[in-house]
Amino acid sequence: MAEGLLRELGGDEFTVESAGVAPSKVRREAVEAMSEIGIDISRHRSKSIEEFAGQNFDFIITVCDNAKETCPIFPGSATRIHQSFTDPPPETVGDEESRLKIFREVRDQLREWLNDFVRSGKN
């Protein structure tokens, strides 16, 4: 969701890559929550940070505590920024509507935080 939001909010000013420390798949609830605000992430895929080893970045943004603790060091002078958001529950926990509600809440929190980041150039 953060990738889709930052691409939308940052437009041509940002080149955005997204990866995780334990990639799996893009959750259906994330696709639906983003679709509700007009952002299509249905073709996004869950990528490993290993795909980006050796690349230089201006910013390394982590949005969960696990990623902050296990994210590798990338070369260069990247500014590391961390903001923790609720990690939505697995597909096996709760009913679909309660999971979707959490995805919506996280989406809205991410959007607000990333909007501030884009406006200021850093957070």
PDB file of N, CA and C in Angstrom:
ATOM      1  N   MET A   1       0.818  -1.181   0.000  1.00  0.00           N
ATOM      2  CA  MET A   1       0.000   0.000   0.000  1.00  0.00           C
ATOM      3  C   MET A   1       0.865   1.248   0.000  1.00  0.00           C
ATOM      4  N   ALA A   2       1.960   1.218   0.748  1.00  0.00           N
ATOM      5  CA  ALA A   2       2.841   2.383   0.806  1.00  0.00           C
ATOM      6  C   ALA A   2       3.413   2.697  -0.569  1.00  0.00           C
ATOM      7  N   GLU A   3       3.788   1.684  -1.317  1.00  0.00           N
ATOM      8  CA  GLU A   3       4.318   1.902  -2.662  1.00  0.00           C
ATOM      9  C   GLU A   3       3.279   2.592  -3.547  1.00  0.00           C
ATOM     10  N   GLY A   4       2.070   2.081  -3.561  1.00  0.00           N
ATOM     11  CA  GLY A   4       1.010   2.667  -4.376  1.00  0.00           C
ATOM     12  C   GLY A   4       0.705   4.099  -3.978  1.00  0.00           C
ATOM     13  N   LEU A   5       0.666   4.345  -2.682  1.00  0.00           N
ATOM     14  CA  LEU A   5       0.396   5.692  -2.197  1.00  0.00           C
ATOM     15  C   LEU A   5       1.513   6.661  -2.567  1.00  0.00           C
ATOM     16  N   LEU A   6       2.749   6.242  -2.360  1.00  0.00           N
ATOM     17  CA  LEU A   6       3.868   7.142  -2.652  1.00  0.00           C
ATOM     18  C   LEU A   6       3.984   7.413  -4.144  1.00  0.00           C
ATOM     19  N   ARG A   7       3.722   6.422  -4.969  1.00  0.00           N
ATOM     20  CA  ARG A   7       3.713   6.654  -6.419  1.00  0.00           C
ATOM     21  C   ARG A   7       2.648   7.690  -6.782  1.00  0.00           C
ATOM     22  N   GLU A   8       1.483   7.574  -6.175  1.00  0.00           N
ATOM     23  CA  GLU A   8       0.380   8.496  -6.458  1.00  0.00           C
ATOM     24  C   GLU A   8       0.677   9.893  -5.916  1.00  0.00           C
ATOM     25  N   LEU A   9       1.102   9.973  -4.679  1.00  0.00           N
ATOM     26  CA  LEU A   9       1.332  11.264  -4.036  1.00  0.00           C
ATOM     27  C   LEU A   9       2.567  11.978  -4.567  1.00  0.00           C
ATOM     28  N   GLY A  10       3.597  11.214  -4.893  1.00  0.00           N
ATOM     29  CA  GLY A  10       4.855  11.808  -5.330  1.00  0.00           C
ATOM     30  C   GLY A  10       4.930  12.086  -6.809  1.00  0.00           C
ATOM     31  N   GLY A  11       4.071  11.433  -7.582  1.00  0.00           N
ATOM     32  CA  GLY A  11       4.083  11.638  -9.021  1.00  0.00           C
ATOM     33  C   GLY A  11       5.456  11.390  -9.612  1.00  0.00           C
ATOM     34  N   ASP A  12       5.861  12.270 -10.515  1.00  0.00           N
ATOM     35  CA  ASP A  12       7.149  12.124 -11.199  1.00  0.00           C
ATOM     36  C   ASP A  12       8.342  12.539 -10.344  1.00  0.00           C
ATOM     37  N   GLU A  13       8.081  13.090  -9.167  1.00  0.00           N
ATOM     38  CA  GLU A  13       9.178  13.545  -8.319  1.00  0.00           C
ATOM     39  C   GLU A  13       9.902  12.400  -7.620  1.00  0.00           C
ATOM     40  N   PHE A  14       9.273  11.230  -7.567  1.00  0.00           N
ATOM     41  CA  PHE A  14       9.855  10.091  -6.864  1.00  0.00           C
ATOM     42  C   PHE A  14       9.888   8.869  -7.771  1.00  0.00           C
ATOM     43  N   THR A  15      10.959   8.111  -7.656  1.00  0.00           N
ATOM     44  CA  THR A  15      11.011   6.760  -8.204  1.00  0.00           C
ATOM     45  C   THR A  15      10.847   5.859  -6.997  1.00  0.00           C
ATOM     46  N   VAL A  16       9.854   4.998  -7.026  1.00  0.00           N
ATOM     47  CA  VAL A  16       9.493   4.226  -5.837  1.00  0.00           C
ATOM     48  C   VAL A  16       9.721   2.736  -6.076  1.00  0.00           C
ATOM     49  N   GLU A  17      10.387   2.114  -5.155  1.00  0.00           N
ATOM     50  CA  GLU A  17      10.545   0.660  -5.126  1.00  0.00           C
ATOM     51  C   GLU A  17      10.053   0.193  -3.770  1.00  0.00           C
ATOM     52  N   SER A  18       9.532  -0.998  -3.722  1.00  0.00           N
ATOM     53  CA  SER A  18       9.011  -1.525  -2.467  1.00  0.00           C
ATOM     54  C   SER A  18       9.422  -2.979  -2.333  1.00  0.00           C
ATOM     55  N   ALA A  19       9.808  -3.340  -1.137  1.00  0.00           N
ATOM     56  CA  ALA A  19      10.194  -4.730  -0.883  1.00  0.00           C
ATOM     57  C   ALA A  19      10.005  -5.032   0.591  1.00  0.00           C
ATOM     58  N   GLY A  20      10.008  -6.295   0.901  1.00  0.00           N
ATOM     59  CA  GLY A  20       9.839  -6.708   2.283  1.00  0.00           C
ATOM     60  C   GLY A  20      10.915  -7.670   2.727  1.00  0.00           C
ATOM     61  N   VAL A  21      11.012  -7.838   4.023  1.00  0.00           N
ATOM     62  CA  VAL A  21      11.997  -8.771   4.562  1.00  0.00           C
ATOM     63  C   VAL A  21      11.505 -10.209   4.486  1.00  0.00           C
ATOM     64  N   ALA A  22      10.196 -10.401   4.359  1.00  0.00           N
ATOM     65  CA  ALA A  22       9.611 -11.737   4.218  1.00  0.00           C
ATOM     66  C   ALA A  22       8.460 -11.652   3.195  1.00  0.00           C
ATOM     67  N   PRO A  23       8.802 -11.464   1.909  1.00  0.00           N
ATOM     68  CA  PRO A  23       7.746 -11.267   0.914  1.00  0.00           C
ATOM     69  C   PRO A  23       6.875 -12.506   0.747  1.00  0.00           C
ATOM     70  N   SER A  24       5.607 -12.261   0.451  1.00  0.00           N
ATOM     71  CA  SER A  24       4.695 -13.378   0.205  1.00  0.00           C
ATOM     72  C   SER A  24       3.811 -13.054  -0.988  1.00  0.00           C
ATOM     73  N   LYS A  25       2.778 -12.254  -0.767  1.00  0.00           N
ATOM     74  CA  LYS A  25       1.892 -11.846  -1.855  1.00  0.00           C
ATOM     75  C   LYS A  25       1.216 -10.551  -1.461  1.00  0.00           C
ATOM     76  N   VAL A  26       0.668  -9.870  -2.443  1.00  0.00           N
ATOM     77  CA  VAL A  26      -0.102  -8.663  -2.163  1.00  0.00           C
ATOM     78  C   VAL A  26      -1.491  -9.123  -1.746  1.00  0.00           C
ATOM     79  N   ARG A  27      -1.882  -8.748  -0.574  1.00  0.00           N
ATOM     80  CA  ARG A  27      -3.153  -9.215  -0.009  1.00  0.00           C
ATOM     81  C   ARG A  27      -4.349  -8.615  -0.723  1.00  0.00           C
ATOM     82  N   ARG A  28      -5.362  -9.406  -0.879  1.00  0.00           N
ATOM     83  CA  ARG A  28      -6.621  -9.013  -1.513  1.00  0.00           C
ATOM     84  C   ARG A  28      -7.226  -7.803  -0.805  1.00  0.00           C
ATOM     85  N   GLU A  29      -7.136  -7.777   0.521  1.00  0.00           N
ATOM     86  CA  GLU A  29      -7.684  -6.663   1.280  1.00  0.00           C
ATOM     87  C   GLU A  29      -6.960  -5.351   0.961  1.00  0.00           C
ATOM     88  N   ALA A  30      -5.638  -5.437   0.733  1.00  0.00           N
ATOM     89  CA  ALA A  30      -4.863  -4.251   0.371  1.00  0.00           C
ATOM     90  C   ALA A  30      -5.302  -3.737  -0.996  1.00  0.00           C
ATOM     91  N   VAL A  31      -5.487  -4.649  -1.935  1.00  0.00           N
ATOM     92  CA  VAL A  31      -5.932  -4.261  -3.275  1.00  0.00           C
ATOM     93  C   VAL A  31      -7.293  -3.577  -3.193  1.00  0.00           C
ATOM     94  N   GLU A  32      -8.195  -4.139  -2.416  1.00  0.00           N
ATOM     95  CA  GLU A  32      -9.530  -3.566  -2.287  1.00  0.00           C
ATOM     96  C   GLU A  32      -9.498  -2.202  -1.596  1.00  0.00           C
ATOM     97  N   ALA A  33      -8.758  -2.095  -0.503  1.00  0.00           N
ATOM     98  CA  ALA A  33      -8.683  -0.826   0.229  1.00  0.00           C
ATOM     99  C   ALA A  33      -8.100   0.277  -0.652  1.00  0.00           C
ATOM    100  N   MET A  34      -7.103  -0.044  -1.436  1.00  0.00           N
ATOM    101  CA  MET A  34      -6.500   0.955  -2.316  1.00  0.00           C
ATOM    102  C   MET A  34      -7.421   1.300  -3.478  1.00  0.00           C
ATOM    103  N   SER A  35      -8.128   0.316  -3.982  1.00  0.00           N
ATOM    104  CA  SER A  35      -9.078   0.544  -5.070  1.00  0.00           C
ATOM    105  C   SER A  35     -10.161   1.539  -4.649  1.00  0.00           C
ATOM    106  N   GLU A  36     -10.535   1.491  -3.389  1.00  0.00           N
ATOM    107  CA  GLU A  36     -11.565   2.399  -2.863  1.00  0.00           C
ATOM    108  C   GLU A  36     -11.160   3.872  -2.971  1.00  0.00           C
ATOM    109  N   ILE A  37      -9.857   4.142  -3.030  1.00  0.00           N
ATOM    110  CA  ILE A  37      -9.399   5.527  -3.159  1.00  0.00           C
ATOM    111  C   ILE A  37      -8.804   5.782  -4.544  1.00  0.00           C
ATOM    112  N   GLY A  38      -9.101   4.884  -5.476  1.00  0.00           N
ATOM    113  CA  GLY A  38      -8.711   5.099  -6.865  1.00  0.00           C
ATOM    114  C   GLY A  38      -7.298   4.725  -7.228  1.00  0.00           C
ATOM    115  N   ILE A  39      -6.630   3.913  -6.413  1.00  0.00           N
ATOM    116  CA  ILE A  39      -5.266   3.475  -6.708  1.00  0.00           C
ATOM    117  C   ILE A  39      -5.283   1.974  -6.950  1.00  0.00           C
ATOM    118  N   ASP A  40      -4.819   1.568  -8.123  1.00  0.00           N
ATOM    119  CA  ASP A  40      -4.815   0.157  -8.507  1.00  0.00           C
ATOM    120  C   ASP A  40      -3.456  -0.463  -8.204  1.00  0.00           C
ATOM    121  N   ILE A  41      -3.418  -1.359  -7.234  1.00  0.00           N
ATOM    122  CA  ILE A  41      -2.179  -2.081  -6.930  1.00  0.00           C
ATOM    123  C   ILE A  41      -2.334  -3.563  -7.277  1.00  0.00           C
ATOM    124  N   SER A  42      -3.337  -3.891  -8.068  1.00  0.00           N
ATOM    125  CA  SER A  42      -3.618  -5.297  -8.374  1.00  0.00           C
ATOM    126  C   SER A  42      -2.484  -5.974  -9.139  1.00  0.00           C
ATOM    127  N   ARG A  43      -1.641  -5.200  -9.786  1.00  0.00           N
ATOM    128  CA  ARG A  43      -0.524  -5.791 -10.536  1.00  0.00           C
ATOM    129  C   ARG A  43       0.799  -5.699  -9.783  1.00  0.00           C
ATOM    130  N   HIS A  44       0.756  -5.144  -8.579  1.00  0.00           N
ATOM    131  CA  HIS A  44       1.967  -5.113  -7.762  1.00  0.00           C
ATOM    132  C   HIS A  44       2.290  -6.529  -7.324  1.00  0.00           C
ATOM    133  N   ARG A  45       3.539  -6.736  -7.002  1.00  0.00           N
ATOM    134  CA  ARG A  45       3.934  -8.041  -6.475  1.00  0.00           C
ATOM    135  C   ARG A  45       4.802  -7.836  -5.247  1.00  0.00           C
ATOM    136  N   SER A  46       4.779  -8.807  -4.394  1.00  0.00           N
ATOM    137  CA  SER A  46       5.589  -8.764  -3.190  1.00  0.00           C
ATOM    138  C   SER A  46       7.030  -9.112  -3.575  1.00  0.00           C
ATOM    139  N   LYS A  47       7.957  -8.184  -3.292  1.00  0.00           N
ATOM    140  CA  LYS A  47       9.347  -8.370  -3.682  1.00  0.00           C
ATOM    141  C   LYS A  47      10.233  -8.498  -2.445  1.00  0.00           C
ATOM    142  N   SER A  48      11.349  -9.169  -2.623  1.00  0.00           N
ATOM    143  CA  SER A  48      12.329  -9.316  -1.559  1.00  0.00           C
ATOM    144  C   SER A  48      13.330  -8.169  -1.626  1.00  0.00           C
ATOM    145  N   ILE A  49      13.820  -7.759  -0.472  1.00  0.00           N
ATOM    146  CA  ILE A  49      14.853  -6.718  -0.449  1.00  0.00           C
ATOM    147  C   ILE A  49      16.106  -7.175  -1.191  1.00  0.00           C
ATOM    148  N   GLU A  50      16.269  -8.483  -1.336  1.00  0.00           N
ATOM    149  CA  GLU A  50      17.428  -9.026  -2.057  1.00  0.00           C
ATOM    150  C   GLU A  50      17.454  -8.533  -3.507  1.00  0.00           C
ATOM    151  N   GLU A  51      16.302  -8.251  -4.083  1.00  0.00           N
ATOM    152  CA  GLU A  51      16.234  -7.769  -5.468  1.00  0.00           C
ATOM    153  C   GLU A  51      16.907  -6.409  -5.629  1.00  0.00           C
ATOM    154  N   PHE A  52      17.080  -5.691  -4.557  1.00  0.00           N
ATOM    155  CA  PHE A  52      17.603  -4.336  -4.628  1.00  0.00           C
ATOM    156  C   PHE A  52      18.996  -4.200  -4.019  1.00  0.00           C
ATOM    157  N   ALA A  53      19.615  -5.318  -3.699  1.00  0.00           N
ATOM    158  CA  ALA A  53      20.963  -5.306  -3.120  1.00  0.00           C
ATOM    159  C   ALA A  53      21.915  -4.593  -4.076  1.00  0.00           C
ATOM    160  N   GLY A  54      22.729  -3.734  -3.526  1.00  0.00           N
ATOM    161  CA  GLY A  54      23.720  -3.025  -4.312  1.00  0.00           C
ATOM    162  C   GLY A  54      23.226  -1.746  -4.971  1.00  0.00           C
ATOM    163  N   GLN A  55      21.947  -1.449  -4.879  1.00  0.00           N
ATOM    164  CA  GLN A  55      21.419  -0.220  -5.467  1.00  0.00           C
ATOM    165  C   GLN A  55      21.517   0.926  -4.464  1.00  0.00           C
ATOM    166  N   ASN A  56      21.638   2.116  -4.988  1.00  0.00           N
ATOM    167  CA  ASN A  56      21.664   3.311  -4.148  1.00  0.00           C
ATOM    168  C   ASN A  56      20.277   3.924  -4.075  1.00  0.00           C
ATOM    169  N   PHE A  57      19.922   4.404  -2.900  1.00  0.00           N
ATOM    170  CA  PHE A  57      18.630   5.036  -2.679  1.00  0.00           C
ATOM    171  C   PHE A  57      18.838   6.340  -1.921  1.00  0.00           C
ATOM    172  N   ASP A  58      17.935   7.279  -2.125  1.00  0.00           N
ATOM    173  CA  ASP A  58      17.963   8.516  -1.354  1.00  0.00           C
ATOM    174  C   ASP A  58      17.344   8.307   0.022  1.00  0.00           C
ATOM    175  N   PHE A  59      16.270   7.521   0.054  1.00  0.00           N
ATOM    176  CA  PHE A  59      15.564   7.234   1.298  1.00  0.00           C
ATOM    177  C   PHE A  59      15.297   5.745   1.401  1.00  0.00           C
ATOM    178  N   ILE A  60      15.421   5.228   2.602  1.00  0.00           N
ATOM    179  CA  ILE A  60      14.974   3.875   2.932  1.00  0.00           C
ATOM    180  C   ILE A  60      13.873   4.079   3.966  1.00  0.00           C
ATOM    181  N   ILE A  61      12.653   3.746   3.589  1.00  0.00           N
ATOM    182  CA  ILE A  61      11.506   3.959   4.464  1.00  0.00           C
ATOM    183  C   ILE A  61      10.996   2.609   4.939  1.00  0.00           C
ATOM    184  N   THR A  62      10.906   2.445   6.241  1.00  0.00           N
ATOM    185  CA  THR A  62      10.326   1.226   6.806  1.00  0.00           C
ATOM    186  C   THR A  62       9.039   1.604   7.526  1.00  0.00           C
ATOM    187  N   VAL A  63       8.042   0.739   7.394  1.00  0.00           N
ATOM    188  CA  VAL A  63       6.729   1.044   7.964  1.00  0.00           C
ATOM    189  C   VAL A  63       6.251  -0.007   8.966  1.00  0.00           C
ATOM    190  N   CYS A  64       7.153  -0.893   9.359  1.00  0.00           N
ATOM    191  CA  CYS A  64       6.838  -1.805  10.466  1.00  0.00           C
ATOM    192  C   CYS A  64       8.120  -2.071  11.235  1.00  0.00           C
ATOM    193  N   ASP A  65       7.982  -2.367  12.509  1.00  0.00           N
ATOM    194  CA  ASP A  65       9.149  -2.533  13.369  1.00  0.00           C
ATOM    195  C   ASP A  65      10.048  -3.673  12.920  1.00  0.00           C
ATOM    196  N   ASN A  66       9.469  -4.782  12.445  1.00  0.00           N
ATOM    197  CA  ASN A  66      10.270  -5.911  11.987  1.00  0.00           C
ATOM    198  C   ASN A  66      11.165  -5.491  10.823  1.00  0.00           C
ATOM    199  N   ALA A  67      10.628  -4.725   9.896  1.00  0.00           N
ATOM    200  CA  ALA A  67      11.430  -4.268   8.758  1.00  0.00           C
ATOM    201  C   ALA A  67      12.555  -3.352   9.224  1.00  0.00           C
ATOM    202  N   LYS A  68      12.261  -2.487  10.172  1.00  0.00           N
ATOM    203  CA  LYS A  68      13.290  -1.568  10.680  1.00  0.00           C
ATOM    204  C   LYS A  68      14.460  -2.348  11.268  1.00  0.00           C
ATOM    205  N   GLU A  69      14.142  -3.401  11.997  1.00  0.00           N
ATOM    206  CA  GLU A  69      15.177  -4.160  12.683  1.00  0.00           C
ATOM    207  C   GLU A  69      15.968  -5.060  11.747  1.00  0.00           C
ATOM    208  N   THR A  70      15.359  -5.523  10.661  1.00  0.00           N
ATOM    209  CA  THR A  70      16.026  -6.495   9.805  1.00  0.00           C
ATOM    210  C   THR A  70      16.389  -5.979   8.424  1.00  0.00           C
ATOM    211  N   CYS A  71      16.043  -4.742   8.118  1.00  0.00           N
ATOM    212  CA  CYS A  71      16.346  -4.169   6.807  1.00  0.00           C
ATOM    213  C   CYS A  71      17.863  -4.035   6.674  1.00  0.00           C
ATOM    214  N   PRO A  72      18.406  -4.506   5.550  1.00  0.00           N
ATOM    215  CA  PRO A  72      19.863  -4.434   5.381  1.00  0.00           C
ATOM    216  C   PRO A  72      20.321  -2.999   5.185  1.00  0.00           C
ATOM    217  N   ILE A  73      21.595  -2.823   5.308  1.00  0.00           N
ATOM    218  CA  ILE A  73      22.202  -1.530   5.041  1.00  0.00           C
ATOM    219  C   ILE A  73      22.446  -1.431   3.542  1.00  0.00           C
ATOM    220  N   PHE A  74      21.948  -0.367   2.936  1.00  0.00           N
ATOM    221  CA  PHE A  74      22.184  -0.146   1.521  1.00  0.00           C
ATOM    222  C   PHE A  74      23.328   0.843   1.389  1.00  0.00           C
ATOM    223  N   PRO A  75      24.132   0.715   0.326  1.00  0.00           N
ATOM    224  CA  PRO A  75      25.263   1.627   0.164  1.00  0.00           C
ATOM    225  C   PRO A  75      24.792   3.054  -0.098  1.00  0.00           C
ATOM    226  N   GLY A  76      25.714   3.956   0.033  1.00  0.00           N
ATOM    227  CA  GLY A  76      25.381   5.350  -0.249  1.00  0.00           C
ATOM    228  C   GLY A  76      24.947   6.087   0.995  1.00  0.00           C
ATOM    229  N   SER A  77      24.353   7.219   0.776  1.00  0.00           N
ATOM    230  CA  SER A  77      23.996   8.083   1.898  1.00  0.00           C
ATOM    231  C   SER A  77      22.486   8.151   2.096  1.00  0.00           C
ATOM    232  N   ALA A  78      21.815   7.044   1.925  1.00  0.00           N
ATOM    233  CA  ALA A  78      20.351   7.016   2.071  1.00  0.00           C
ATOM    234  C   ALA A  78      19.949   7.464   3.469  1.00  0.00           C
ATOM    235  N   THR A  79      18.926   8.277   3.516  1.00  0.00           N
ATOM    236  CA  THR A  79      18.333   8.679   4.785  1.00  0.00           C
ATOM    237  C   THR A  79      17.332   7.604   5.176  1.00  0.00           C
ATOM    238  N   ARG A  80      17.506   7.065   6.361  1.00  0.00           N
ATOM    239  CA  ARG A  80      16.592   6.026   6.842  1.00  0.00           C
ATOM    240  C   ARG A  80      15.475   6.694   7.639  1.00  0.00           C
ATOM    241  N   ILE A  81      14.246   6.329   7.278  1.00  0.00           N
ATOM    242  CA  ILE A  81      13.067   6.895   7.934  1.00  0.00           C
ATOM    243  C   ILE A  81      12.194   5.730   8.368  1.00  0.00           C
ATOM    244  N   HIS A  82      11.747   5.785   9.607  1.00  0.00           N
ATOM    245  CA  HIS A  82      10.879   4.721  10.107  1.00  0.00           C
ATOM    246  C   HIS A  82       9.624   5.305  10.743  1.00  0.00           C
ATOM    247  N   GLN A  83       8.519   4.695  10.410  1.00  0.00           N
ATOM    248  CA  GLN A  83       7.249   4.993  11.062  1.00  0.00           C
ATOM    249  C   GLN A  83       6.504   3.668  11.157  1.00  0.00           C
ATOM    250  N   SER A  84       6.161   3.290  12.342  1.00  0.00           N
ATOM    251  CA  SER A  84       5.495   2.005  12.531  1.00  0.00           C
ATOM    252  C   SER A  84       3.985   2.138  12.356  1.00  0.00           C
ATOM    253  N   PHE A  85       3.431   1.228  11.574  1.00  0.00           N
ATOM    254  CA  PHE A  85       1.993   1.131  11.370  1.00  0.00           C
ATOM    255  C   PHE A  85       1.555  -0.270  11.764  1.00  0.00           C
ATOM    256  N   THR A  86       0.298  -0.420  12.093  1.00  0.00           N
ATOM    257  CA  THR A  86      -0.248  -1.720  12.458  1.00  0.00           C
ATOM    258  C   THR A  86      -0.054  -2.696  11.312  1.00  0.00           C
ATOM    259  N   ASP A  87       0.426  -3.879  11.626  1.00  0.00           N
ATOM    260  CA  ASP A  87       0.557  -4.928  10.626  1.00  0.00           C
ATOM    261  C   ASP A  87      -0.784  -5.656  10.564  1.00  0.00           C
ATOM    262  N   PRO A  88      -1.506  -5.559   9.442  1.00  0.00           N
ATOM    263  CA  PRO A  88      -2.819  -6.215   9.370  1.00  0.00           C
ATOM    264  C   PRO A  88      -2.724  -7.707   9.660  1.00  0.00           C
ATOM    265  N   PRO A  89      -3.782  -8.274  10.228  1.00  0.00           N
ATOM    266  CA  PRO A  89      -3.743  -9.687  10.613  1.00  0.00           C
ATOM    267  C   PRO A  89      -3.693 -10.605   9.397  1.00  0.00           C
ATOM    268  N   PRO A  90      -3.206 -11.821   9.597  1.00  0.00           N
ATOM    269  CA  PRO A  90      -3.187 -12.808   8.506  1.00  0.00           C
ATOM    270  C   PRO A  90      -4.598 -13.102   8.002  1.00  0.00           C
ATOM    271  N   GLU A  91      -4.665 -13.670   6.817  1.00  0.00           N
ATOM    272  CA  GLU A  91      -5.958 -13.985   6.198  1.00  0.00           C
ATOM    273  C   GLU A  91      -6.787 -14.958   7.032  1.00  0.00           C
ATOM    274  N   THR A  92      -6.130 -15.680   7.889  1.00  0.00           N
ATOM    275  CA  THR A  92      -6.832 -16.685   8.685  1.00  0.00           C
ATOM    276  C   THR A  92      -7.421 -16.136   9.978  1.00  0.00           C
ATOM    277  N   VAL A  93      -7.168 -14.862  10.264  1.00  0.00           N
ATOM    278  CA  VAL A  93      -7.632 -14.270  11.520  1.00  0.00           C
ATOM    279  C   VAL A  93      -8.812 -13.340  11.246  1.00  0.00           C
ATOM    280  N   GLY A  94      -9.900 -13.551  11.958  1.00  0.00           N
ATOM    281  CA  GLY A  94     -11.067 -12.690  11.828  1.00  0.00           C
ATOM    282  C   GLY A  94     -11.800 -12.885  10.514  1.00  0.00           C
ATOM    283  N   ASP A  95     -12.899 -12.147  10.380  1.00  0.00           N
ATOM    284  CA  ASP A  95     -13.649 -12.240   9.130  1.00  0.00           C
ATOM    285  C   ASP A  95     -13.125 -11.194   8.151  1.00  0.00           C
ATOM    286  N   GLU A  96     -13.539 -11.326   6.907  1.00  0.00           N
ATOM    287  CA  GLU A  96     -13.026 -10.460   5.850  1.00  0.00           C
ATOM    288  C   GLU A  96     -13.300  -8.986   6.127  1.00  0.00           C
ATOM    289  N   GLU A  97     -14.478  -8.652   6.598  1.00  0.00           N
ATOM    290  CA  GLU A  97     -14.820  -7.243   6.833  1.00  0.00           C
ATOM    291  C   GLU A  97     -13.966  -6.640   7.946  1.00  0.00           C
ATOM    292  N   SER A  98     -13.688  -7.393   9.001  1.00  0.00           N
ATOM    293  CA  SER A  98     -12.856  -6.849  10.082  1.00  0.00           C
ATOM    294  C   SER A  98     -11.409  -6.669   9.616  1.00  0.00           C
ATOM    295  N   ARG A  99     -10.916  -7.587   8.777  1.00  0.00           N
ATOM    296  CA  ARG A  99      -9.569  -7.415   8.228  1.00  0.00           C
ATOM    297  C   ARG A  99      -9.523  -6.211   7.295  1.00  0.00           C
ATOM    298  N   LEU A 100     -10.538  -6.063   6.454  1.00  0.00           N
ATOM    299  CA  LEU A 100     -10.587  -4.945   5.523  1.00  0.00           C
ATOM    300  C   LEU A 100     -10.632  -3.613   6.275  1.00  0.00           C
ATOM    301  N   LYS A 101     -11.338  -3.582   7.386  1.00  0.00           N
ATOM    302  CA  LYS A 101     -11.405  -2.363   8.206  1.00  0.00           C
ATOM    303  C   LYS A 101     -10.001  -1.957   8.672  1.00  0.00           C
ATOM    304  N   ILE A 102      -9.198  -2.917   9.077  1.00  0.00           N
ATOM    305  CA  ILE A 102      -7.828  -2.618   9.519  1.00  0.00           C
ATOM    306  C   ILE A 102      -6.985  -2.131   8.340  1.00  0.00           C
ATOM    307  N   PHE A 103      -7.125  -2.760   7.187  1.00  0.00           N
ATOM    308  CA  PHE A 103      -6.397  -2.304   6.004  1.00  0.00           C
ATOM    309  C   PHE A 103      -6.776  -0.866   5.653  1.00  0.00           C
ATOM    310  N   ARG A 104      -8.047  -0.538   5.770  1.00  0.00           N
ATOM    311  CA  ARG A 104      -8.483   0.841   5.486  1.00  0.00           C
ATOM    312  C   ARG A 104      -7.849   1.828   6.467  1.00  0.00           C
ATOM    313  N   GLU A 105      -7.823   1.457   7.736  1.00  0.00           N
ATOM    314  CA  GLU A 105      -7.231   2.330   8.749  1.00  0.00           C
ATOM    315  C   GLU A 105      -5.749   2.553   8.473  1.00  0.00           C
ATOM    316  N   VAL A 106      -5.033   1.468   8.166  1.00  0.00           N
ATOM    317  CA  VAL A 106      -3.605   1.575   7.875  1.00  0.00           C
ATOM    318  C   VAL A 106      -3.396   2.398   6.601  1.00  0.00           C
ATOM    319  N   ARG A 107      -4.219   2.166   5.593  1.00  0.00           N
ATOM    320  CA  ARG A 107      -4.134   2.936   4.341  1.00  0.00           C
ATOM    321  C   ARG A 107      -4.254   4.429   4.629  1.00  0.00           C
ATOM    322  N   ASP A 108      -5.240   4.802   5.425  1.00  0.00           N
ATOM    323  CA  ASP A 108      -5.460   6.216   5.719  1.00  0.00           C
ATOM    324  C   ASP A 108      -4.316   6.815   6.524  1.00  0.00           C
ATOM    325  N   GLN A 109      -3.777   6.059   7.471  1.00  0.00           N
ATOM    326  CA  GLN A 109      -2.634   6.536   8.249  1.00  0.00           C
ATOM    327  C   GLN A 109      -1.404   6.690   7.361  1.00  0.00           C
ATOM    328  N   LEU A 110      -1.161   5.697   6.507  1.00  0.00           N
ATOM    329  CA  LEU A 110      -0.046   5.760   5.569  1.00  0.00           C
ATOM    330  C   LEU A 110      -0.184   6.964   4.640  1.00  0.00           C
ATOM    331  N   ARG A 111      -1.381   7.169   4.128  1.00  0.00           N
ATOM    332  CA  ARG A 111      -1.613   8.273   3.185  1.00  0.00           C
ATOM    333  C   ARG A 111      -1.296   9.606   3.852  1.00  0.00           C
ATOM    334  N   GLU A 112      -1.746   9.796   5.063  1.00  0.00           N
ATOM    335  CA  GLU A 112      -1.483  11.056   5.771  1.00  0.00           C
ATOM    336  C   GLU A 112       0.015  11.244   6.000  1.00  0.00           C
ATOM    337  N   TRP A 113       0.674  10.207   6.480  1.00  0.00           N
ATOM    338  CA  TRP A 113       2.105  10.289   6.779  1.00  0.00           C
ATOM    339  C   TRP A 113       2.922  10.501   5.505  1.00  0.00           C
ATOM    340  N   LEU A 114       2.610   9.748   4.450  1.00  0.00           N
ATOM    341  CA  LEU A 114       3.354   9.890   3.202  1.00  0.00           C
ATOM    342  C   LEU A 114       3.067  11.223   2.520  1.00  0.00           C
ATOM    343  N   ASN A 115       1.878  11.733   2.661  1.00  0.00           N
ATOM    344  CA  ASN A 115       1.556  13.048   2.116  1.00  0.00           C
ATOM    345  C   ASN A 115       2.438  14.114   2.788  1.00  0.00           C
ATOM    346  N   ASP A 116       2.599  14.019   4.098  1.00  0.00           N
ATOM    347  CA  ASP A 116       3.500  14.939   4.807  1.00  0.00           C
ATOM    348  C   ASP A 116       4.929  14.777   4.319  1.00  0.00           C
ATOM    349  N   PHE A 117       5.368  13.541   4.108  1.00  0.00           N
ATOM    350  CA  PHE A 117       6.710  13.255   3.619  1.00  0.00           C
ATOM    351  C   PHE A 117       6.939  13.904   2.248  1.00  0.00           C
ATOM    352  N   VAL A 118       5.988  13.724   1.341  1.00  0.00           N
ATOM    353  CA  VAL A 118       6.107  14.277  -0.007  1.00  0.00           C
ATOM    354  C   VAL A 118       6.143  15.800   0.037  1.00  0.00           C
ATOM    355  N   ARG A 119       5.286  16.401   0.842  1.00  0.00           N
ATOM    356  CA  ARG A 119       5.244  17.869   0.918  1.00  0.00           C
ATOM    357  C   ARG A 119       6.515  18.454   1.494  1.00  0.00           C
ATOM    358  N   SER A 120       7.125  17.751   2.436  1.00  0.00           N
ATOM    359  CA  SER A 120       8.321  18.289   3.070  1.00  0.00           C
ATOM    360  C   SER A 120       9.610  17.802   2.408  1.00  0.00           C
ATOM    361  N   GLY A 121       9.510  16.755   1.599  1.00  0.00           N
ATOM    362  CA  GLY A 121      10.716  16.198   0.982  1.00  0.00           C
ATOM    363  C   GLY A 121      11.402  15.205   1.880  1.00  0.00           C
ATOM    364  N   LYS A 122      11.053  15.210   3.129  1.00  0.00           N
ATOM    365  CA  LYS A 122      11.548  14.237   4.105  1.00  0.00           C
ATOM    366  C   LYS A 122      10.669  14.345   5.326  1.00  0.00           C
ATOM    367  N   ASN A 123      10.740  13.354   6.197  1.00  0.00           N
ATOM    368  CA  ASN A 123       9.893  13.379   7.386  1.00  0.00           C
ATOM    369  C   ASN A 123      10.720  13.361   8.644  1.00  0.00           C
TER     370      ASN A 123
END
